[in-house]
């Protein structure tokens, strides 16, 4: 089966041939075009010449570290980067995300989860400029959150009907940042620097308090959140939106 030329192009930078073969078969079956690179140098070359829509990147490459590849790509490109690595430690995830990766999957992973993360990364990358000022809507099961930053309103719709939330200025600023990057893992440091400023980059407990307050207002069951998701030891991820809602 020939993949259409307009299908998203995924560049796989991975030194293990069996994994590349597995990823190619899995991605092509989902309708993606695939290019492969087995080294950091070839991966960087193809990233510049092939202009992929997304990069799947292994951290352990024979001629360099994937973190350096990420930093080099980020010098002149915003292409989504999803890291695939056997390094499962929290500090490795934080380092990859801080270097500019959009997401991180620890090997082994399921094809379903991988393709879901790819769809979210591609959707985020194709949002129009100024998306941060657009109405955002996300639905999980029977609950919908509608966020309009211009009118500063947040509406939750669930089995109990509709209700408008009252957020403090800090809660609103935090939600605005999380929604702007919905579907993407944000580290504690990234959030703290953006919402509270560089001097608060290590005040993780401060962030946890406000995340807890937001969950009390947003979630049906704050103890089992479905929108504001904790990435243990790394940060938070807000549920991906359904696209721009009608104003």
C-alpha atoms as a PDB file:
ATOM      1  CA  UNK A   1       0.000   0.000   0.000  1.00  0.00           C
ATOM      2  CA  UNK A   2       1.400   3.387  -1.037  1.00  0.00           C
ATOM      3  CA  UNK A   3       1.232   6.140   1.552  1.00  0.00           C
ATOM      4  CA  UNK A   4      -0.159   9.431   0.135  1.00  0.00           C
ATOM      5  CA  UNK A   5       2.445  12.122  -0.450  1.00  0.00           C
ATOM      6  CA  UNK A   6       0.510  14.598   1.721  1.00  0.00           C
ATOM      7  CA  UNK A   7       0.610  12.280   4.765  1.00  0.00           C
ATOM      8  CA  UNK A   8       2.713  13.469   7.731  1.00  0.00           C
ATOM      9  CA  UNK A   9       6.385  12.564   7.434  1.00  0.00           C
ATOM     10  CA  UNK A  10       7.961  11.018  10.551  1.00  0.00           C
ATOM     11  CA  UNK A  11      11.738  10.879  10.904  1.00  0.00           C
ATOM     12  CA  UNK A  12      12.852   7.967  13.085  1.00  0.00           C
ATOM     13  CA  UNK A  13      16.328   8.473  14.586  1.00  0.00           C
ATOM     14  CA  UNK A  14      17.161   5.123  16.164  1.00  0.00           C
ATOM     15  CA  UNK A  15      20.322   3.002  15.962  1.00  0.00           C
ATOM     16  CA  UNK A  16      18.695  -0.414  16.494  1.00  0.00           C
ATOM     17  CA  UNK A  17      17.477  -1.775  13.182  1.00  0.00           C
ATOM     18  CA  UNK A  18      14.787  -4.099  14.637  1.00  0.00           C
ATOM     19  CA  UNK A  19      13.192  -1.130  16.415  1.00  0.00           C
ATOM     20  CA  UNK A  20      13.353   0.996  13.265  1.00  0.00           C
ATOM     21  CA  UNK A  21      11.727  -1.814  11.309  1.00  0.00           C
ATOM     22  CA  UNK A  22       8.994  -2.139  13.947  1.00  0.00           C
ATOM     23  CA  UNK A  23       8.355   1.606  14.006  1.00  0.00           C
ATOM     24  CA  UNK A  24       8.238   1.845  10.216  1.00  0.00           C
ATOM     25  CA  UNK A  25       5.687  -0.959   9.952  1.00  0.00           C
ATOM     26  CA  UNK A  26       3.569   0.450  12.771  1.00  0.00           C
ATOM     27  CA  UNK A  27       3.596   4.015  11.479  1.00  0.00           C
ATOM     28  CA  UNK A  28       3.011   3.153   7.830  1.00  0.00           C
ATOM     29  CA  UNK A  29       0.019   1.037   8.854  1.00  0.00           C
ATOM     30  CA  UNK A  30      -1.386   4.215  10.456  1.00  0.00           C
ATOM     31  CA  UNK A  31      -0.884   6.224   7.273  1.00  0.00           C
ATOM     32  CA  UNK A  32       2.382   8.023   8.037  1.00  0.00           C
ATOM     33  CA  UNK A  33       5.364   8.368   5.721  1.00  0.00           C
ATOM     34  CA  UNK A  34       8.655   7.338   7.378  1.00  0.00           C
ATOM     35  CA  UNK A  35      12.326   8.233   6.962  1.00  0.00           C
ATOM     36  CA  UNK A  36      15.054   6.540   9.003  1.00  0.00           C
ATOM     37  CA  UNK A  37      18.423   7.537  10.463  1.00  0.00           C
ATOM     38  CA  UNK A  38      20.726   5.319  12.534  1.00  0.00           C
ATOM     39  CA  UNK A  39      23.089   8.017  13.815  1.00  0.00           C
ATOM     40  CA  UNK A  40      22.908  11.486  15.323  1.00  0.00           C
ATOM     41  CA  UNK A  41      24.768  13.055  12.385  1.00  0.00           C
ATOM     42  CA  UNK A  42      22.507  11.472   9.765  1.00  0.00           C
ATOM     43  CA  UNK A  43      19.468  12.328  11.839  1.00  0.00           C
ATOM     44  CA  UNK A  44      20.422  16.014  11.973  1.00  0.00           C
ATOM     45  CA  UNK A  45      21.114  16.021   8.232  1.00  0.00           C
ATOM     46  CA  UNK A  46      17.725  14.498   7.441  1.00  0.00           C
ATOM     47  CA  UNK A  47      15.973  16.799   9.904  1.00  0.00           C
ATOM     48  CA  UNK A  48      17.278  19.740   7.864  1.00  0.00           C
ATOM     49  CA  UNK A  49      16.899  18.314   4.357  1.00  0.00           C
ATOM     50  CA  UNK A  50      13.726  16.203   4.617  1.00  0.00           C
ATOM     51  CA  UNK A  51      11.796  18.690   6.788  1.00  0.00           C
ATOM     52  CA  UNK A  52       9.792  16.045   8.688  1.00  0.00           C
ATOM     53  CA  UNK A  53       6.505  16.814  10.392  1.00  0.00           C
ATOM     54  CA  UNK A  54       7.647  14.958  13.524  1.00  0.00           C
ATOM     55  CA  UNK A  55      10.808  13.320  14.873  1.00  0.00           C
ATOM     56  CA  UNK A  56      10.947  10.123  16.935  1.00  0.00           C
ATOM     57  CA  UNK A  57      14.296  10.222  18.698  1.00  0.00           C
ATOM     58  CA  UNK A  58      16.268   7.659  20.672  1.00  0.00           C
ATOM     59  CA  UNK A  59      18.620   9.167  23.272  1.00  0.00           C
ATOM     60  CA  UNK A  60      21.345   6.527  23.043  1.00  0.00           C
ATOM     61  CA  UNK A  61      22.938   6.973  19.623  1.00  0.00           C
ATOM     62  CA  UNK A  62      26.379   5.646  18.619  1.00  0.00           C
ATOM     63  CA  UNK A  63      27.879   9.006  17.660  1.00  0.00           C
ATOM     64  CA  UNK A  64      26.152  11.363  20.058  1.00  0.00           C
ATOM     65  CA  UNK A  65      23.495  11.892  22.677  1.00  0.00           C
ATOM     66  CA  UNK A  66      19.887  12.479  21.731  1.00  0.00           C
ATOM     67  CA  UNK A  67      19.777  15.500  24.034  1.00  0.00           C
ATOM     68  CA  UNK A  68      22.352  17.239  21.839  1.00  0.00           C
ATOM     69  CA  UNK A  69      20.369  16.307  18.744  1.00  0.00           C
ATOM     70  CA  UNK A  70      17.298  17.880  20.327  1.00  0.00           C
ATOM     71  CA  UNK A  71      19.180  21.083  21.155  1.00  0.00           C
ATOM     72  CA  UNK A  72      20.601  21.296  17.627  1.00  0.00           C
ATOM     73  CA  UNK A  73      17.186  20.796  16.019  1.00  0.00           C
ATOM     74  CA  UNK A  74      15.682  23.436  18.308  1.00  0.00           C
ATOM     75  CA  UNK A  75      18.190  26.022  17.103  1.00  0.00           C
ATOM     76  CA  UNK A  76      16.242  26.470  13.862  1.00  0.00           C
ATOM     77  CA  UNK A  77      13.106  24.343  13.995  1.00  0.00           C
ATOM     78  CA  UNK A  78       9.934  23.865  16.039  1.00  0.00           C
ATOM     79  CA  UNK A  79       9.219  20.386  14.617  1.00  0.00           C
ATOM     80  CA  UNK A  80       7.657  18.160  17.324  1.00  0.00           C
ATOM     81  CA  UNK A  81      10.160  15.775  18.921  1.00  0.00           C
ATOM     82  CA  UNK A  82       8.983  12.667  20.769  1.00  0.00           C
ATOM     83  CA  UNK A  83      11.791  10.939  22.642  1.00  0.00           C
ATOM     84  CA  UNK A  84      11.821   7.132  22.794  1.00  0.00           C
ATOM     85  CA  UNK A  85      14.313   5.819  25.307  1.00  0.00           C
ATOM     86  CA  UNK A  86      15.149   2.984  27.652  1.00  0.00           C
ATOM     87  CA  UNK A  87      16.257   5.621  30.162  1.00  0.00           C
ATOM     88  CA  UNK A  88      13.269   5.740  32.474  1.00  0.00           C
ATOM     89  CA  UNK A  89      14.644   7.894  35.286  1.00  0.00           C
ATOM     90  CA  UNK A  90      12.816  11.104  36.091  1.00  0.00           C
ATOM     91  CA  UNK A  91      15.918  13.223  35.569  1.00  0.00           C
ATOM     92  CA  UNK A  92      16.316  11.836  32.038  1.00  0.00           C
ATOM     93  CA  UNK A  93      12.741  12.812  31.187  1.00  0.00           C
ATOM     94  CA  UNK A  94      13.169  16.276  32.649  1.00  0.00           C
ATOM     95  CA  UNK A  95      16.460  16.772  30.768  1.00  0.00           C
ATOM     96  CA  UNK A  96      14.870  15.760  27.448  1.00  0.00           C
ATOM     97  CA  UNK A  97      11.860  18.024  27.932  1.00  0.00           C
ATOM     98  CA  UNK A  98      14.013  20.934  29.075  1.00  0.00           C
ATOM     99  CA  UNK A  99      16.222  20.449  25.999  1.00  0.00           C
ATOM    100  CA  UNK A 100      13.184  21.001  23.803  1.00  0.00           C
ATOM    101  CA  UNK A 101      11.476  17.620  23.366  1.00  0.00           C
ATOM    102  CA  UNK A 102       7.687  17.702  23.218  1.00  0.00           C
ATOM    103  CA  UNK A 103       7.050  14.312  24.780  1.00  0.00           C
ATOM    104  CA  UNK A 104       8.830  11.260  26.195  1.00  0.00           C
ATOM    105  CA  UNK A 105       8.000   7.555  26.003  1.00  0.00           C
ATOM    106  CA  UNK A 106       9.931   4.918  27.915  1.00  0.00           C
ATOM    107  CA  UNK A 107      10.710   1.637  26.160  1.00  0.00           C
ATOM    108  CA  UNK A 108       8.914  -0.702  25.927  1.00  0.00           C
ATOM    109  CA  UNK A 109       5.770   1.117  24.846  1.00  0.00           C
ATOM    110  CA  UNK A 110       2.554   0.180  23.092  1.00  0.00           C
ATOM    111  CA  UNK A 111       1.786   1.178  19.519  1.00  0.00           C
ATOM    112  CA  UNK A 112      -1.541   2.648  20.604  1.00  0.00           C
ATOM    113  CA  UNK A 113       0.083   4.983  23.101  1.00  0.00           C
ATOM    114  CA  UNK A 114       2.809   5.965  20.626  1.00  0.00           C
ATOM    115  CA  UNK A 115       0.387   6.879  17.844  1.00  0.00           C
ATOM    116  CA  UNK A 116      -1.815   8.774  20.304  1.00  0.00           C
ATOM    117  CA  UNK A 117       1.162  10.857  21.444  1.00  0.00           C
ATOM    118  CA  UNK A 118       2.099  11.479  17.800  1.00  0.00           C
ATOM    119  CA  UNK A 119      -1.400  12.704  16.978  1.00  0.00           C
ATOM    120  CA  UNK A 120      -1.353  15.099  19.935  1.00  0.00           C
ATOM    121  CA  UNK A 121       2.094  16.460  19.007  1.00  0.00           C
ATOM    122  CA  UNK A 122       1.081  16.992  15.375  1.00  0.00           C
ATOM    123  CA  UNK A 123      -2.202  18.647  16.383  1.00  0.00           C
ATOM    124  CA  UNK A 124      -0.359  21.011  18.711  1.00  0.00           C
ATOM    125  CA  UNK A 125       2.185  21.843  16.002  1.00  0.00           C
ATOM    126  CA  UNK A 126      -0.507  22.766  13.476  1.00  0.00           C
ATOM    127  CA  UNK A 127      -2.456  25.097  15.737  1.00  0.00           C
ATOM    128  CA  UNK A 128      -2.713  28.517  14.097  1.00  0.00           C
ATOM    129  CA  UNK A 129      -0.725  31.454  15.401  1.00  0.00           C
ATOM    130  CA  UNK A 130      -2.541  33.167  18.228  1.00  0.00           C
ATOM    131  CA  UNK A 131      -4.089  29.935  19.450  1.00  0.00           C
ATOM    132  CA  UNK A 132      -3.432  31.072  22.987  1.00  0.00           C
ATOM    133  CA  UNK A 133      -6.171  33.691  22.536  1.00  0.00           C
ATOM    134  CA  UNK A 134      -8.703  31.246  21.036  1.00  0.00           C
ATOM    135  CA  UNK A 135     -11.462  29.397  22.824  1.00  0.00           C
ATOM    136  CA  UNK A 136     -10.185  26.018  23.998  1.00  0.00           C
ATOM    137  CA  UNK A 137     -12.388  23.008  24.583  1.00  0.00           C
ATOM    138  CA  UNK A 138     -11.504  19.539  25.843  1.00  0.00           C
ATOM    139  CA  UNK A 139     -13.794  16.589  26.532  1.00  0.00           C
ATOM    140  CA  UNK A 140     -12.975  13.491  28.589  1.00  0.00           C
ATOM    141  CA  UNK A 141     -15.734  10.908  28.940  1.00  0.00           C
ATOM    142  CA  UNK A 142     -18.878  12.858  29.903  1.00  0.00           C
ATOM    143  CA  UNK A 143     -17.171  16.066  31.037  1.00  0.00           C
ATOM    144  CA  UNK A 144     -16.213  19.096  28.942  1.00  0.00           C
ATOM    145  CA  UNK A 145     -14.070  22.073  29.896  1.00  0.00           C
ATOM    146  CA  UNK A 146     -14.449  25.247  27.833  1.00  0.00           C
ATOM    147  CA  UNK A 147     -11.839  27.949  28.380  1.00  0.00           C
ATOM    148  CA  UNK A 148     -12.084  31.425  26.846  1.00  0.00           C
ATOM    149  CA  UNK A 149      -9.014  33.507  27.766  1.00  0.00           C
ATOM    150  CA  UNK A 150     -10.370  36.659  26.138  1.00  0.00           C
ATOM    151  CA  UNK A 151     -13.517  36.785  28.270  1.00  0.00           C
ATOM    152  CA  UNK A 152     -11.645  35.080  31.133  1.00  0.00           C
ATOM    153  CA  UNK A 153     -14.349  32.439  31.537  1.00  0.00           C
ATOM    154  CA  UNK A 154     -14.056  28.743  32.342  1.00  0.00           C
ATOM    155  CA  UNK A 155     -17.153  26.574  31.983  1.00  0.00           C
ATOM    156  CA  UNK A 156     -17.450  22.937  33.023  1.00  0.00           C
ATOM    157  CA  UNK A 157     -20.226  20.756  31.605  1.00  0.00           C
ATOM    158  CA  UNK A 158     -20.938  17.314  33.050  1.00  0.00           C
ATOM    159  CA  UNK A 159     -23.796  15.135  34.272  1.00  0.00           C
ATOM    160  CA  UNK A 160     -24.770  17.836  36.740  1.00  0.00           C
ATOM    161  CA  UNK A 161     -25.219  20.489  34.043  1.00  0.00           C
ATOM    162  CA  UNK A 162     -23.105  23.571  33.318  1.00  0.00           C
ATOM    163  CA  UNK A 163     -21.239  25.713  35.792  1.00  0.00           C
ATOM    164  CA  UNK A 164     -18.893  28.685  35.435  1.00  0.00           C
ATOM    165  CA  UNK A 165     -15.772  28.585  37.580  1.00  0.00           C
ATOM    166  CA  UNK A 166     -14.301  31.416  39.612  1.00  0.00           C
ATOM    167  CA  UNK A 167     -10.505  31.321  39.415  1.00  0.00           C
ATOM    168  CA  UNK A 168      -7.972  33.414  41.267  1.00  0.00           C
ATOM    169  CA  UNK A 169      -5.573  35.431  39.065  1.00  0.00           C
ATOM    170  CA  UNK A 170      -2.787  32.915  39.673  1.00  0.00           C
ATOM    171  CA  UNK A 171      -5.049  29.935  38.952  1.00  0.00           C
ATOM    172  CA  UNK A 172      -6.137  31.612  35.725  1.00  0.00           C
ATOM    173  CA  UNK A 173      -2.543  32.280  34.664  1.00  0.00           C
ATOM    174  CA  UNK A 174      -1.581  28.691  35.428  1.00  0.00           C
ATOM    175  CA  UNK A 175      -4.527  27.288  33.470  1.00  0.00           C
ATOM    176  CA  UNK A 176      -3.756  29.604  30.541  1.00  0.00           C
ATOM    177  CA  UNK A 177      -0.218  28.245  30.283  1.00  0.00           C
ATOM    178  CA  UNK A 178      -1.292  24.608  30.632  1.00  0.00           C
ATOM    179  CA  UNK A 179      -3.991  25.006  27.979  1.00  0.00           C
ATOM    180  CA  UNK A 180      -1.596  26.769  25.604  1.00  0.00           C
ATOM    181  CA  UNK A 181       0.485  23.574  25.540  1.00  0.00           C
ATOM    182  CA  UNK A 182      -2.370  21.093  26.032  1.00  0.00           C
ATOM    183  CA  UNK A 183      -1.271  17.531  25.353  1.00  0.00           C
ATOM    184  CA  UNK A 184       2.391  18.375  25.960  1.00  0.00           C
ATOM    185  CA  UNK A 185       4.311  17.443  29.095  1.00  0.00           C
ATOM    186  CA  UNK A 186       5.546  20.569  30.885  1.00  0.00           C
ATOM    187  CA  UNK A 187       8.224  20.307  33.555  1.00  0.00           C
ATOM    188  CA  UNK A 188       7.827  21.850  36.985  1.00  0.00           C
ATOM    189  CA  UNK A 189      10.579  24.328  36.143  1.00  0.00           C
ATOM    190  CA  UNK A 190       8.988  25.391  32.855  1.00  0.00           C
ATOM    191  CA  UNK A 191       5.657  26.086  34.543  1.00  0.00           C
ATOM    192  CA  UNK A 192       7.139  27.844  37.556  1.00  0.00           C
ATOM    193  CA  UNK A 193       9.321  30.129  35.423  1.00  0.00           C
ATOM    194  CA  UNK A 194       6.424  31.058  33.147  1.00  0.00           C
ATOM    195  CA  UNK A 195       3.726  31.565  35.782  1.00  0.00           C
ATOM    196  CA  UNK A 196       5.698  32.786  38.812  1.00  0.00           C
ATOM    197  CA  UNK A 197       8.999  33.924  37.313  1.00  0.00           C
ATOM    198  CA  UNK A 198      12.636  32.681  37.288  1.00  0.00           C
ATOM    199  CA  UNK A 199      13.149  33.220  41.012  1.00  0.00           C
ATOM    200  CA  UNK A 200      10.508  30.556  41.752  1.00  0.00           C
ATOM    201  CA  UNK A 201      11.978  27.842  39.497  1.00  0.00           C
ATOM    202  CA  UNK A 202      12.517  25.481  42.437  1.00  0.00           C
ATOM    203  CA  UNK A 203       9.275  26.105  44.326  1.00  0.00           C
ATOM    204  CA  UNK A 204       7.687  22.807  43.265  1.00  0.00           C
ATOM    205  CA  UNK A 205       5.509  22.555  46.380  1.00  0.00           C
ATOM    206  CA  UNK A 206       4.041  25.956  45.547  1.00  0.00           C
ATOM    207  CA  UNK A 207       3.026  24.643  42.117  1.00  0.00           C
ATOM    208  CA  UNK A 208       1.520  21.487  43.623  1.00  0.00           C
ATOM    209  CA  UNK A 209      -0.712  23.586  45.876  1.00  0.00           C
ATOM    210  CA  UNK A 210      -2.119  25.551  42.950  1.00  0.00           C
ATOM    211  CA  UNK A 211      -2.478  22.455  40.777  1.00  0.00           C
ATOM    212  CA  UNK A 212      -4.493  20.918  43.623  1.00  0.00           C
ATOM    213  CA  UNK A 213      -6.697  24.000  43.816  1.00  0.00           C
ATOM    214  CA  UNK A 214      -7.344  23.883  40.072  1.00  0.00           C
ATOM    215  CA  UNK A 215      -8.284  20.216  40.273  1.00  0.00           C
ATOM    216  CA  UNK A 216     -10.774  20.928  43.044  1.00  0.00           C
ATOM    217  CA  UNK A 217     -12.553  23.279  40.652  1.00  0.00           C
ATOM    218  CA  UNK A 218     -12.081  21.472  37.324  1.00  0.00           C
ATOM    219  CA  UNK A 219     -12.289  17.763  38.070  1.00  0.00           C
ATOM    220  CA  UNK A 220     -15.284  15.611  38.947  1.00  0.00           C
ATOM    221  CA  UNK A 221     -12.968  13.602  41.202  1.00  0.00           C
ATOM    222  CA  UNK A 222      -9.830  15.617  42.085  1.00  0.00           C
ATOM    223  CA  UNK A 223      -8.196  12.458  43.472  1.00  0.00           C
ATOM    224  CA  UNK A 224      -8.418  10.849  40.016  1.00  0.00           C
ATOM    225  CA  UNK A 225      -7.886  13.773  37.624  1.00  0.00           C
ATOM    226  CA  UNK A 226      -8.715  13.372  33.949  1.00  0.00           C
ATOM    227  CA  UNK A 227      -7.731  16.827  32.684  1.00  0.00           C
ATOM    228  CA  UNK A 228      -4.780  18.034  34.751  1.00  0.00           C
ATOM    229  CA  UNK A 229      -2.520  14.969  34.683  1.00  0.00           C
ATOM    230  CA  UNK A 230       0.578  14.508  36.848  1.00  0.00           C
ATOM    231  CA  UNK A 231       3.718  13.218  35.122  1.00  0.00           C
ATOM    232  CA  UNK A 232       5.390  11.774  38.215  1.00  0.00           C
ATOM    233  CA  UNK A 233       8.586  13.578  39.163  1.00  0.00           C
ATOM    234  CA  UNK A 234       8.512  15.577  35.920  1.00  0.00           C
ATOM    235  CA  UNK A 235       5.590  17.985  35.773  1.00  0.00           C
ATOM    236  CA  UNK A 236       2.060  18.187  34.392  1.00  0.00           C
ATOM    237  CA  UNK A 237       0.130  17.623  31.174  1.00  0.00           C
ATOM    238  CA  UNK A 238      -3.277  19.077  30.398  1.00  0.00           C
ATOM    239  CA  UNK A 239      -5.680  16.971  28.318  1.00  0.00           C
ATOM    240  CA  UNK A 240      -5.430  17.683  24.607  1.00  0.00           C
ATOM    241  CA  UNK A 241      -8.194  19.859  23.248  1.00  0.00           C
ATOM    242  CA  UNK A 242     -10.771  19.068  20.602  1.00  0.00           C
ATOM    243  CA  UNK A 243      -9.715  22.021  18.503  1.00  0.00           C
ATOM    244  CA  UNK A 244     -10.868  25.626  18.545  1.00  0.00           C
ATOM    245  CA  UNK A 245     -14.399  25.908  19.844  1.00  0.00           C
ATOM    246  CA  UNK A 246     -16.977  28.358  18.597  1.00  0.00           C
ATOM    247  CA  UNK A 247     -16.784  31.613  20.485  1.00  0.00           C
END
